[in-house]
């Protein structure tokens, strides 16, 4: 039998060896259930200088979910959005769906399939990653050459930030004017959840 790592030694994080001293480890995992919970959490974190890490399906391959924050932060919280995984609306006519960020790929696909629709976005981590994670990382996938990356499928977004909610316009893609979704797609969750 072996004992766990001592302070400063590498620890195992989902099969990946990471040099994570215990003082930079996650302190708490939180499970918000609605946008209001997220807003209160962001306000709390900003006021107390606490880092928030939204791990999505924990399928990151670039270290985006590891608690590598500056030492002047008071703590690190993992924000699990698995309680925010509802399909809010499916519009058959426009082929538009409104979903929460914590929904997994297979769950979204099943909800759409029941309506005779399909999403056709298949990143390698499809079975264990979330729509919010796809958007935050600008996910591609094996169908990207045909259907495009995730930003081509995102029409609008409602994002919770420490300053409140931001909602982009609900219009089909346009080549004119600034696109608000461009601020958030690929931002790795740094600008909001």
N, C-alpha and C. Protein backbone atom coordinates (compact mmCIF):
# COMPACT_ATOMS: atom_id res chain seq x y z
N UNK A 1 0.85 -1.17 0.00
CA UNK A 1 0.00 0.00 0.00
C UNK A 1 0.90 1.23 0.00
N UNK A 2 0.53 2.22 -0.81
CA UNK A 2 1.30 3.46 -0.86
C UNK A 2 0.51 4.58 -0.23
N UNK A 3 1.22 5.53 0.31
CA UNK A 3 0.54 6.67 0.90
C UNK A 3 0.38 7.75 -0.15
N UNK A 4 -0.45 8.74 0.11
CA UNK A 4 -0.67 9.85 -0.82
C UNK A 4 0.56 10.73 -0.93
N UNK A 5 0.54 11.64 -1.88
CA UNK A 5 1.69 12.52 -2.08
C UNK A 5 1.87 13.47 -0.91
N UNK A 6 3.08 13.88 -0.67
CA UNK A 6 3.34 14.87 0.36
C UNK A 6 3.30 16.25 -0.27
N UNK A 7 3.28 17.26 0.54
CA UNK A 7 3.16 18.64 0.07
C UNK A 7 4.19 18.95 -1.02
N UNK A 8 3.69 19.50 -2.14
CA UNK A 8 4.57 19.91 -3.23
C UNK A 8 4.89 18.83 -4.24
N UNK A 9 4.56 17.58 -3.92
CA UNK A 9 4.80 16.50 -4.89
C UNK A 9 3.64 16.44 -5.87
N UNK A 10 3.88 15.89 -7.06
CA UNK A 10 2.79 15.78 -8.05
C UNK A 10 1.65 14.93 -7.54
N UNK A 11 0.44 15.31 -7.93
CA UNK A 11 -0.74 14.54 -7.60
C UNK A 11 -1.42 14.11 -8.89
N UNK A 12 -2.25 13.09 -8.81
CA UNK A 12 -2.97 12.64 -10.00
C UNK A 12 -4.29 13.38 -10.10
N UNK A 13 -4.59 13.94 -11.26
CA UNK A 13 -5.82 14.67 -11.50
C UNK A 13 -6.44 14.08 -12.75
N UNK A 14 -7.46 13.22 -12.59
CA UNK A 14 -8.13 12.58 -13.71
C UNK A 14 -7.14 11.89 -14.65
N UNK A 15 -6.17 11.17 -14.07
CA UNK A 15 -5.23 10.41 -14.89
C UNK A 15 -4.08 11.22 -15.42
N UNK A 16 -4.02 12.49 -15.13
CA UNK A 16 -2.98 13.37 -15.64
C UNK A 16 -2.10 13.79 -14.47
N UNK A 17 -0.80 13.73 -14.63
CA UNK A 17 0.09 14.12 -13.54
C UNK A 17 0.27 15.64 -13.59
N UNK A 18 -0.03 16.25 -12.48
CA UNK A 18 0.03 17.70 -12.38
C UNK A 18 0.78 18.07 -11.11
N UNK A 19 1.69 19.01 -11.19
CA UNK A 19 2.39 19.49 -10.00
C UNK A 19 1.48 20.51 -9.32
N UNK A 20 0.71 20.05 -8.37
CA UNK A 20 -0.25 20.92 -7.69
C UNK A 20 -0.01 20.88 -6.19
N UNK A 21 0.66 21.90 -5.66
CA UNK A 21 0.79 21.97 -4.20
C UNK A 21 -0.59 22.06 -3.56
N UNK A 22 -0.76 21.48 -2.38
CA UNK A 22 -2.07 21.46 -1.75
C UNK A 22 -2.65 22.84 -1.52
N UNK A 23 -1.82 23.84 -1.31
CA UNK A 23 -2.38 25.17 -1.07
C UNK A 23 -3.06 25.74 -2.31
N UNK A 24 -2.85 25.14 -3.49
CA UNK A 24 -3.53 25.60 -4.70
C UNK A 24 -4.59 24.61 -5.15
N UNK A 25 -4.92 23.66 -4.34
CA UNK A 25 -5.95 22.67 -4.69
C UNK A 25 -7.34 23.30 -4.56
N UNK A 26 -8.34 22.65 -5.14
CA UNK A 26 -9.72 23.12 -5.00
C UNK A 26 -10.13 23.07 -3.54
N UNK A 27 -10.84 24.07 -3.10
CA UNK A 27 -11.29 24.11 -1.72
C UNK A 27 -12.73 23.61 -1.56
N UNK A 28 -13.58 23.95 -2.52
CA UNK A 28 -14.99 23.61 -2.42
C UNK A 28 -15.54 23.35 -3.82
N UNK A 29 -16.49 22.45 -3.91
CA UNK A 29 -17.22 22.23 -5.15
C UNK A 29 -18.64 22.73 -4.91
N UNK A 30 -19.14 23.59 -5.79
CA UNK A 30 -20.49 24.15 -5.65
C UNK A 30 -21.34 23.71 -6.83
N UNK A 31 -22.64 23.57 -6.58
CA UNK A 31 -23.58 23.08 -7.58
C UNK A 31 -24.74 24.06 -7.74
N UNK A 32 -24.56 25.16 -8.46
CA UNK A 32 -25.68 26.09 -8.66
C UNK A 32 -26.79 25.42 -9.45
N UNK A 33 -28.04 25.83 -9.19
CA UNK A 33 -29.17 25.23 -9.87
C UNK A 33 -29.88 26.20 -10.82
N UNK A 34 -29.48 27.48 -10.77
CA UNK A 34 -30.13 28.46 -11.63
C UNK A 34 -29.20 29.66 -11.84
N UNK A 35 -29.61 30.55 -12.73
CA UNK A 35 -28.80 31.74 -13.01
C UNK A 35 -28.62 32.61 -11.77
N UNK A 36 -29.65 32.71 -10.95
CA UNK A 36 -29.54 33.53 -9.73
C UNK A 36 -28.46 32.97 -8.80
N UNK A 37 -28.38 31.64 -8.68
CA UNK A 37 -27.31 31.02 -7.89
C UNK A 37 -25.94 31.41 -8.45
N UNK A 38 -25.82 31.34 -9.77
CA UNK A 38 -24.54 31.70 -10.41
C UNK A 38 -24.18 33.15 -10.15
N UNK A 39 -25.15 34.03 -10.27
CA UNK A 39 -24.90 35.46 -10.05
C UNK A 39 -24.43 35.71 -8.62
N UNK A 40 -25.09 35.11 -7.64
CA UNK A 40 -24.67 35.26 -6.24
C UNK A 40 -23.27 34.69 -6.03
N UNK A 41 -22.98 33.57 -6.66
CA UNK A 41 -21.67 32.95 -6.54
C UNK A 41 -20.58 33.84 -7.14
N UNK A 42 -20.83 34.42 -8.30
CA UNK A 42 -19.86 35.31 -8.93
C UNK A 42 -19.63 36.57 -8.08
N UNK A 43 -20.69 37.10 -7.52
CA UNK A 43 -20.57 38.27 -6.64
C UNK A 43 -19.75 37.93 -5.40
N UNK A 44 -20.01 36.78 -4.81
CA UNK A 44 -19.27 36.30 -3.64
C UNK A 44 -17.79 36.17 -3.98
N UNK A 45 -17.51 35.52 -5.10
CA UNK A 45 -16.12 35.27 -5.49
C UNK A 45 -15.37 36.56 -5.77
N UNK A 46 -16.03 37.50 -6.41
CA UNK A 46 -15.38 38.77 -6.71
C UNK A 46 -15.09 39.55 -5.42
N UNK A 47 -16.04 39.58 -4.52
CA UNK A 47 -15.88 40.34 -3.27
C UNK A 47 -14.79 39.75 -2.38
N UNK A 48 -14.58 38.45 -2.44
CA UNK A 48 -13.62 37.78 -1.55
C UNK A 48 -12.36 37.29 -2.26
N UNK A 49 -12.22 37.65 -3.53
CA UNK A 49 -11.05 37.26 -4.35
C UNK A 49 -10.86 35.75 -4.34
N UNK A 50 -11.93 35.07 -4.77
CA UNK A 50 -11.93 33.61 -4.88
C UNK A 50 -12.01 33.26 -6.36
N UNK A 51 -11.16 32.36 -6.81
CA UNK A 51 -11.18 31.92 -8.22
C UNK A 51 -12.27 30.86 -8.41
N UNK A 52 -12.96 30.94 -9.52
CA UNK A 52 -13.98 29.96 -9.88
C UNK A 52 -13.53 29.21 -11.12
N UNK A 53 -13.66 27.90 -11.09
CA UNK A 53 -13.28 27.07 -12.24
C UNK A 53 -14.49 26.24 -12.64
N UNK A 54 -15.06 26.51 -13.84
CA UNK A 54 -16.16 25.69 -14.33
C UNK A 54 -15.60 24.50 -15.12
N UNK A 55 -15.56 23.30 -14.55
CA UNK A 55 -14.90 22.18 -15.23
C UNK A 55 -15.68 21.54 -16.36
N UNK A 56 -16.97 21.87 -16.53
CA UNK A 56 -17.75 21.22 -17.58
C UNK A 56 -17.74 19.72 -17.36
N UNK A 57 -17.38 18.96 -18.38
CA UNK A 57 -17.30 17.51 -18.24
C UNK A 57 -15.93 17.04 -17.84
N UNK A 58 -15.05 17.95 -17.45
CA UNK A 58 -13.68 17.67 -17.04
C UNK A 58 -12.90 16.96 -18.14
N UNK A 59 -13.15 17.36 -19.38
CA UNK A 59 -12.48 16.72 -20.51
C UNK A 59 -11.37 17.59 -21.09
N UNK A 60 -11.01 18.67 -20.41
CA UNK A 60 -9.99 19.59 -20.92
C UNK A 60 -8.66 18.88 -21.11
N UNK A 61 -7.99 19.16 -22.22
CA UNK A 61 -6.67 18.59 -22.47
C UNK A 61 -5.59 19.65 -22.43
N UNK A 62 -5.97 20.89 -22.10
CA UNK A 62 -4.98 21.98 -22.09
C UNK A 62 -4.79 22.59 -20.70
N UNK A 63 -5.32 21.95 -19.67
CA UNK A 63 -5.12 22.44 -18.31
C UNK A 63 -6.07 23.53 -17.87
N UNK A 64 -7.11 23.81 -18.67
CA UNK A 64 -8.03 24.89 -18.35
C UNK A 64 -8.84 24.70 -17.09
N UNK A 65 -8.91 23.49 -16.58
CA UNK A 65 -9.72 23.24 -15.38
C UNK A 65 -8.86 23.02 -14.14
N UNK A 66 -7.56 23.15 -14.29
CA UNK A 66 -6.67 22.93 -13.15
C UNK A 66 -6.58 24.21 -12.31
N UNK A 67 -6.50 24.08 -11.00
CA UNK A 67 -6.50 25.25 -10.12
C UNK A 67 -5.16 25.99 -10.08
N UNK A 68 -4.74 26.49 -11.22
CA UNK A 68 -3.48 27.22 -11.33
C UNK A 68 -3.78 28.72 -11.25
N UNK A 69 -3.98 29.20 -10.04
CA UNK A 69 -4.34 30.61 -9.84
C UNK A 69 -3.23 31.32 -9.07
N UNK A 70 -3.14 32.64 -9.21
CA UNK A 70 -2.11 33.38 -8.48
C UNK A 70 -2.26 33.21 -6.96
N UNK A 71 -1.16 33.30 -6.24
CA UNK A 71 -1.19 33.07 -4.78
C UNK A 71 -1.99 34.13 -4.00
N UNK A 72 -2.32 35.26 -4.63
CA UNK A 72 -3.07 36.29 -3.90
C UNK A 72 -4.58 36.03 -3.87
N UNK A 73 -5.02 34.89 -4.41
CA UNK A 73 -6.43 34.51 -4.33
C UNK A 73 -6.68 33.80 -3.00
N UNK A 74 -7.85 34.05 -2.43
CA UNK A 74 -8.18 33.48 -1.12
C UNK A 74 -8.61 32.02 -1.20
N UNK A 75 -9.01 31.57 -2.37
CA UNK A 75 -9.46 30.19 -2.51
C UNK A 75 -9.80 29.87 -3.94
N UNK A 76 -10.14 28.61 -4.17
CA UNK A 76 -10.50 28.12 -5.50
C UNK A 76 -11.75 27.25 -5.37
N UNK A 77 -12.80 27.61 -6.11
CA UNK A 77 -14.03 26.84 -6.10
C UNK A 77 -14.27 26.23 -7.47
N UNK A 78 -14.71 24.98 -7.48
CA UNK A 78 -15.12 24.33 -8.72
C UNK A 78 -16.62 24.54 -8.87
N UNK A 79 -17.03 25.11 -9.99
CA UNK A 79 -18.44 25.40 -10.24
C UNK A 79 -19.00 24.32 -11.17
N UNK A 80 -19.67 23.35 -10.61
CA UNK A 80 -20.25 22.24 -11.37
C UNK A 80 -21.64 22.64 -11.85
N UNK A 81 -21.83 22.67 -13.16
CA UNK A 81 -23.11 23.08 -13.73
C UNK A 81 -24.03 21.91 -14.05
N UNK A 82 -23.76 20.74 -13.48
CA UNK A 82 -24.56 19.56 -13.81
C UNK A 82 -26.01 19.67 -13.38
N UNK A 83 -26.33 20.58 -12.47
CA UNK A 83 -27.72 20.81 -12.09
C UNK A 83 -28.42 21.77 -13.05
N UNK A 84 -27.65 22.36 -13.96
CA UNK A 84 -28.19 23.29 -14.96
C UNK A 84 -28.06 22.65 -16.34
N UNK A 85 -28.87 21.64 -16.58
CA UNK A 85 -28.73 20.86 -17.81
C UNK A 85 -30.05 20.69 -18.56
N UNK A 86 -30.95 21.62 -18.36
CA UNK A 86 -32.27 21.50 -18.97
C UNK A 86 -32.29 21.98 -20.42
N UNK A 87 -33.17 21.36 -21.18
CA UNK A 87 -33.50 21.86 -22.51
C UNK A 87 -34.72 22.76 -22.28
N UNK A 88 -34.54 24.05 -22.43
CA UNK A 88 -35.60 25.01 -22.11
C UNK A 88 -36.65 25.11 -23.21
N UNK A 89 -36.20 24.98 -24.46
CA UNK A 89 -37.14 25.16 -25.56
C UNK A 89 -36.56 24.53 -26.82
N UNK A 90 -37.42 23.90 -27.60
CA UNK A 90 -37.05 23.43 -28.94
C UNK A 90 -38.10 23.97 -29.90
N UNK A 91 -37.66 24.77 -30.85
CA UNK A 91 -38.55 25.36 -31.84
C UNK A 91 -38.38 24.58 -33.14
N UNK A 92 -39.37 23.78 -33.48
CA UNK A 92 -39.31 22.94 -34.69
C UNK A 92 -39.18 23.77 -35.95
N UNK A 93 -39.92 24.87 -36.04
CA UNK A 93 -39.94 25.68 -37.25
C UNK A 93 -38.57 26.28 -37.57
N UNK A 94 -37.94 26.88 -36.57
CA UNK A 94 -36.63 27.52 -36.80
C UNK A 94 -35.47 26.56 -36.58
N UNK A 95 -35.79 25.36 -36.08
CA UNK A 95 -34.76 24.38 -35.71
C UNK A 95 -33.77 24.98 -34.71
N UNK A 96 -34.33 25.58 -33.71
CA UNK A 96 -33.57 26.27 -32.69
C UNK A 96 -33.86 25.64 -31.33
N UNK A 97 -32.83 25.47 -30.52
CA UNK A 97 -33.01 24.95 -29.17
C UNK A 97 -32.37 25.90 -28.18
N UNK A 98 -33.00 26.06 -27.04
CA UNK A 98 -32.43 26.86 -25.95
C UNK A 98 -32.13 25.89 -24.82
N UNK A 99 -30.84 25.77 -24.45
CA UNK A 99 -30.42 24.80 -23.45
C UNK A 99 -29.52 25.46 -22.41
N UNK A 100 -29.41 24.82 -21.26
CA UNK A 100 -28.51 25.30 -20.22
C UNK A 100 -27.11 24.74 -20.45
N UNK A 101 -26.12 25.42 -19.91
CA UNK A 101 -24.71 25.11 -20.17
C UNK A 101 -24.26 23.75 -19.67
N UNK A 102 -24.91 23.19 -18.67
CA UNK A 102 -24.45 21.94 -18.08
C UNK A 102 -24.93 20.68 -18.77
N UNK A 103 -25.69 20.80 -19.85
CA UNK A 103 -26.20 19.60 -20.52
C UNK A 103 -25.09 18.89 -21.28
N UNK A 104 -25.05 17.57 -21.14
CA UNK A 104 -24.07 16.75 -21.86
C UNK A 104 -24.52 16.52 -23.30
N UNK A 105 -23.55 16.28 -24.18
CA UNK A 105 -23.83 16.06 -25.59
C UNK A 105 -24.89 15.00 -25.86
N UNK A 106 -24.77 13.79 -25.30
CA UNK A 106 -25.77 12.76 -25.57
C UNK A 106 -27.17 13.14 -25.09
N UNK A 107 -27.27 13.88 -23.98
CA UNK A 107 -28.58 14.29 -23.47
C UNK A 107 -29.24 15.32 -24.40
N UNK A 108 -28.44 16.23 -24.94
CA UNK A 108 -28.97 17.20 -25.90
C UNK A 108 -29.42 16.47 -27.16
N UNK A 109 -28.59 15.57 -27.64
CA UNK A 109 -28.92 14.84 -28.86
C UNK A 109 -30.20 14.02 -28.68
N UNK A 110 -30.39 13.41 -27.53
CA UNK A 110 -31.60 12.62 -27.28
C UNK A 110 -32.84 13.52 -27.25
N UNK A 111 -32.75 14.68 -26.61
CA UNK A 111 -33.88 15.61 -26.58
C UNK A 111 -34.24 16.07 -27.99
N UNK A 112 -33.24 16.34 -28.80
CA UNK A 112 -33.49 16.77 -30.17
C UNK A 112 -34.05 15.62 -31.02
N UNK A 113 -33.54 14.43 -30.81
CA UNK A 113 -33.99 13.25 -31.56
C UNK A 113 -35.49 13.00 -31.33
N UNK A 114 -35.95 13.22 -30.11
CA UNK A 114 -37.38 13.05 -29.82
C UNK A 114 -38.25 14.01 -30.63
N UNK A 115 -37.65 15.12 -31.07
CA UNK A 115 -38.36 16.11 -31.88
C UNK A 115 -38.05 15.95 -33.37
N UNK A 116 -37.32 14.89 -33.73
CA UNK A 116 -36.98 14.65 -35.13
C UNK A 116 -35.82 15.51 -35.62
N UNK A 117 -35.01 16.03 -34.70
CA UNK A 117 -33.89 16.89 -35.04
C UNK A 117 -32.58 16.26 -34.58
N UNK A 118 -31.47 16.83 -35.01
CA UNK A 118 -30.14 16.38 -34.57
C UNK A 118 -29.22 17.59 -34.49
N UNK A 119 -28.23 17.53 -33.61
CA UNK A 119 -27.30 18.66 -33.44
C UNK A 119 -26.07 18.51 -34.32
N UNK A 120 -25.56 17.32 -34.43
CA UNK A 120 -24.42 16.99 -35.28
C UNK A 120 -23.13 17.72 -34.90
N UNK A 121 -22.93 17.93 -33.64
CA UNK A 121 -21.65 18.45 -33.16
C UNK A 121 -21.00 17.33 -32.36
N UNK A 122 -19.86 16.84 -32.81
CA UNK A 122 -19.27 15.65 -32.20
C UNK A 122 -17.80 15.85 -31.85
N UNK A 123 -17.48 16.59 -30.79
CA UNK A 123 -16.08 16.65 -30.38
C UNK A 123 -15.65 15.28 -29.84
N UNK A 124 -14.39 15.07 -29.74
CA UNK A 124 -13.88 13.78 -29.26
C UNK A 124 -14.44 13.44 -27.89
N UNK A 125 -14.69 14.44 -27.08
CA UNK A 125 -15.19 14.25 -25.72
C UNK A 125 -16.72 14.26 -25.65
N UNK A 126 -17.39 14.04 -26.76
CA UNK A 126 -18.84 14.16 -26.89
C UNK A 126 -19.63 13.54 -25.73
N UNK A 127 -19.27 12.34 -25.33
CA UNK A 127 -20.08 11.63 -24.32
C UNK A 127 -19.95 12.21 -22.93
N UNK A 128 -18.88 12.95 -22.66
CA UNK A 128 -18.67 13.43 -21.29
C UNK A 128 -18.49 14.94 -21.21
N UNK A 129 -18.71 15.68 -22.31
CA UNK A 129 -18.51 17.13 -22.26
C UNK A 129 -19.85 17.85 -22.36
N UNK A 130 -19.85 19.11 -21.95
CA UNK A 130 -21.07 19.90 -21.87
C UNK A 130 -21.13 20.93 -22.98
N UNK A 131 -22.34 21.38 -23.27
CA UNK A 131 -22.54 22.43 -24.26
C UNK A 131 -21.80 23.70 -23.82
N UNK A 132 -21.87 24.02 -22.53
CA UNK A 132 -21.14 25.19 -22.03
C UNK A 132 -19.64 25.05 -22.25
N UNK A 133 -19.12 23.84 -22.04
CA UNK A 133 -17.71 23.58 -22.29
C UNK A 133 -17.35 23.70 -23.76
N UNK A 134 -18.24 23.22 -24.62
CA UNK A 134 -17.99 23.34 -26.07
C UNK A 134 -17.87 24.80 -26.46
N UNK A 135 -18.78 25.62 -25.93
CA UNK A 135 -18.78 27.04 -26.28
C UNK A 135 -17.55 27.73 -25.69
N UNK A 136 -17.25 27.43 -24.43
CA UNK A 136 -16.12 28.08 -23.76
C UNK A 136 -14.78 27.76 -24.42
N UNK A 137 -14.69 26.59 -25.04
CA UNK A 137 -13.41 26.18 -25.64
C UNK A 137 -13.40 26.27 -27.16
N UNK A 138 -14.49 26.78 -27.74
CA UNK A 138 -14.62 26.86 -29.20
C UNK A 138 -14.39 25.48 -29.83
N UNK A 139 -15.14 24.52 -29.35
CA UNK A 139 -14.95 23.12 -29.72
C UNK A 139 -15.19 22.87 -31.20
N UNK A 140 -14.39 21.97 -31.72
CA UNK A 140 -14.57 21.45 -33.08
C UNK A 140 -15.04 20.03 -32.96
N UNK A 141 -14.66 19.20 -33.86
CA UNK A 141 -15.05 17.80 -33.78
C UNK A 141 -14.99 17.15 -35.13
N UNK A 142 -15.34 15.87 -35.15
CA UNK A 142 -15.18 15.11 -36.39
C UNK A 142 -16.14 15.56 -37.48
N UNK A 143 -17.19 16.31 -37.14
CA UNK A 143 -18.10 16.82 -38.16
C UNK A 143 -17.83 18.29 -38.48
N UNK A 144 -16.79 18.86 -37.91
CA UNK A 144 -16.55 20.30 -38.06
C UNK A 144 -16.30 20.70 -39.51
N UNK A 145 -15.69 19.83 -40.31
CA UNK A 145 -15.45 20.20 -41.70
C UNK A 145 -16.75 20.31 -42.48
N UNK A 146 -17.78 19.61 -42.06
CA UNK A 146 -19.08 19.67 -42.73
C UNK A 146 -20.00 20.71 -42.08
N UNK A 147 -20.11 20.65 -40.76
CA UNK A 147 -21.07 21.49 -40.04
C UNK A 147 -20.45 22.72 -39.38
N UNK A 148 -19.14 22.80 -39.34
CA UNK A 148 -18.49 23.94 -38.69
C UNK A 148 -18.23 23.68 -37.22
N UNK A 149 -17.47 24.59 -36.61
CA UNK A 149 -17.20 24.49 -35.18
C UNK A 149 -18.42 24.98 -34.40
N UNK A 150 -18.35 24.91 -33.10
CA UNK A 150 -19.52 25.20 -32.27
C UNK A 150 -20.07 26.61 -32.50
N UNK A 151 -19.22 27.59 -32.79
CA UNK A 151 -19.73 28.97 -32.93
C UNK A 151 -20.69 29.10 -34.10
N UNK A 152 -20.61 28.21 -35.09
CA UNK A 152 -21.56 28.28 -36.20
C UNK A 152 -22.94 27.79 -35.78
N UNK A 153 -23.02 27.04 -34.70
CA UNK A 153 -24.30 26.52 -34.21
C UNK A 153 -24.90 27.40 -33.12
N UNK A 154 -24.12 28.31 -32.57
CA UNK A 154 -24.60 29.17 -31.48
C UNK A 154 -25.19 30.44 -32.09
N UNK A 155 -26.49 30.62 -31.90
CA UNK A 155 -27.14 31.82 -32.43
C UNK A 155 -27.08 32.96 -31.42
N UNK A 156 -27.37 32.67 -30.18
CA UNK A 156 -27.31 33.70 -29.15
C UNK A 156 -26.96 33.04 -27.82
N UNK A 157 -26.59 33.87 -26.87
CA UNK A 157 -26.17 33.35 -25.56
C UNK A 157 -26.72 34.24 -24.46
N UNK A 158 -26.97 33.62 -23.34
CA UNK A 158 -27.30 34.35 -22.11
C UNK A 158 -26.21 33.95 -21.13
N UNK A 159 -25.40 34.91 -20.71
CA UNK A 159 -24.22 34.64 -19.90
C UNK A 159 -24.31 35.39 -18.58
N UNK A 160 -23.96 34.73 -17.48
CA UNK A 160 -23.94 35.37 -16.17
C UNK A 160 -22.51 35.81 -15.89
N UNK A 161 -22.33 37.09 -15.57
CA UNK A 161 -21.02 37.66 -15.25
C UNK A 161 -21.08 38.27 -13.86
N UNK A 162 -19.94 38.65 -13.27
CA UNK A 162 -19.99 39.29 -11.95
C UNK A 162 -20.78 40.60 -11.94
N UNK A 163 -21.00 41.21 -13.09
CA UNK A 163 -21.74 42.47 -13.18
C UNK A 163 -23.21 42.28 -13.57
N UNK A 164 -23.61 41.03 -13.74
CA UNK A 164 -24.99 40.75 -14.12
C UNK A 164 -25.07 39.85 -15.34
N UNK A 165 -26.23 39.84 -15.96
CA UNK A 165 -26.46 38.98 -17.11
C UNK A 165 -26.21 39.74 -18.41
N UNK A 166 -25.68 39.03 -19.39
CA UNK A 166 -25.49 39.56 -20.73
C UNK A 166 -26.20 38.62 -21.68
N UNK A 167 -27.04 39.17 -22.54
CA UNK A 167 -27.73 38.34 -23.52
C UNK A 167 -27.48 38.92 -24.90
N UNK A 168 -26.98 38.05 -25.79
CA UNK A 168 -26.72 38.51 -27.15
C UNK A 168 -28.03 38.45 -27.95
N UNK A 169 -28.05 39.14 -29.06
CA UNK A 169 -29.26 39.21 -29.89
C UNK A 169 -29.63 37.84 -30.45
N UNK A 170 -30.91 37.57 -30.49
CA UNK A 170 -31.41 36.30 -31.02
C UNK A 170 -31.73 36.48 -32.50
N UNK A 171 -30.68 36.49 -33.30
CA UNK A 171 -30.86 36.63 -34.75
C UNK A 171 -29.95 35.63 -35.44
N UNK A 172 -30.33 35.21 -36.65
CA UNK A 172 -29.44 34.33 -37.40
C UNK A 172 -28.11 35.03 -37.66
N UNK A 173 -27.12 34.27 -38.07
CA UNK A 173 -25.79 34.82 -38.30
C UNK A 173 -25.85 35.97 -39.28
N UNK A 174 -25.01 36.96 -39.03
CA UNK A 174 -24.96 38.14 -39.88
C UNK A 174 -23.52 38.57 -40.04
N UNK A 175 -23.21 39.13 -41.18
CA UNK A 175 -21.86 39.63 -41.44
C UNK A 175 -21.74 41.10 -41.09
N UNK A 176 -22.82 41.73 -40.65
CA UNK A 176 -22.77 43.16 -40.34
C UNK A 176 -22.82 43.39 -38.84
N UNK A 177 -22.09 44.39 -38.40
CA UNK A 177 -22.11 44.78 -37.00
C UNK A 177 -21.35 43.83 -36.10
N UNK A 178 -21.09 44.27 -34.86
CA UNK A 178 -20.36 43.41 -33.92
C UNK A 178 -21.23 42.24 -33.48
N UNK A 179 -20.58 41.11 -33.26
CA UNK A 179 -21.29 39.92 -32.77
C UNK A 179 -20.97 39.71 -31.30
N UNK A 180 -21.95 39.89 -30.44
CA UNK A 180 -21.73 39.77 -29.01
C UNK A 180 -21.26 38.41 -28.56
N UNK A 181 -21.67 37.36 -29.28
CA UNK A 181 -21.28 36.02 -28.87
C UNK A 181 -19.77 35.82 -29.01
N UNK A 182 -19.12 36.60 -29.87
CA UNK A 182 -17.67 36.46 -30.07
C UNK A 182 -16.88 36.78 -28.80
N UNK A 183 -17.48 37.52 -27.89
CA UNK A 183 -16.80 37.83 -26.62
C UNK A 183 -16.68 36.58 -25.76
N UNK A 184 -17.63 35.67 -25.88
CA UNK A 184 -17.71 34.54 -24.97
C UNK A 184 -17.28 33.21 -25.57
N UNK A 185 -17.54 33.00 -26.86
CA UNK A 185 -17.15 31.74 -27.50
C UNK A 185 -15.63 31.66 -27.52
N UNK A 186 -15.08 30.66 -26.86
CA UNK A 186 -13.64 30.49 -26.80
C UNK A 186 -12.96 31.22 -25.67
N UNK A 187 -13.74 31.84 -24.78
CA UNK A 187 -13.15 32.62 -23.68
C UNK A 187 -12.73 31.76 -22.49
N UNK A 188 -12.93 30.43 -22.59
CA UNK A 188 -12.58 29.50 -21.51
C UNK A 188 -13.27 29.83 -20.20
N UNK A 189 -14.42 30.48 -20.27
CA UNK A 189 -15.18 30.82 -19.07
C UNK A 189 -14.65 32.01 -18.30
N UNK A 190 -13.63 32.70 -18.83
CA UNK A 190 -13.02 33.82 -18.12
C UNK A 190 -13.95 35.04 -18.05
N UNK A 191 -14.90 35.14 -18.95
CA UNK A 191 -15.76 36.33 -18.99
C UNK A 191 -17.15 36.10 -18.41
N UNK A 192 -17.50 34.86 -18.13
CA UNK A 192 -18.81 34.56 -17.56
C UNK A 192 -19.12 33.09 -17.66
N UNK A 193 -20.23 32.69 -17.06
CA UNK A 193 -20.66 31.29 -17.06
C UNK A 193 -22.02 31.15 -17.67
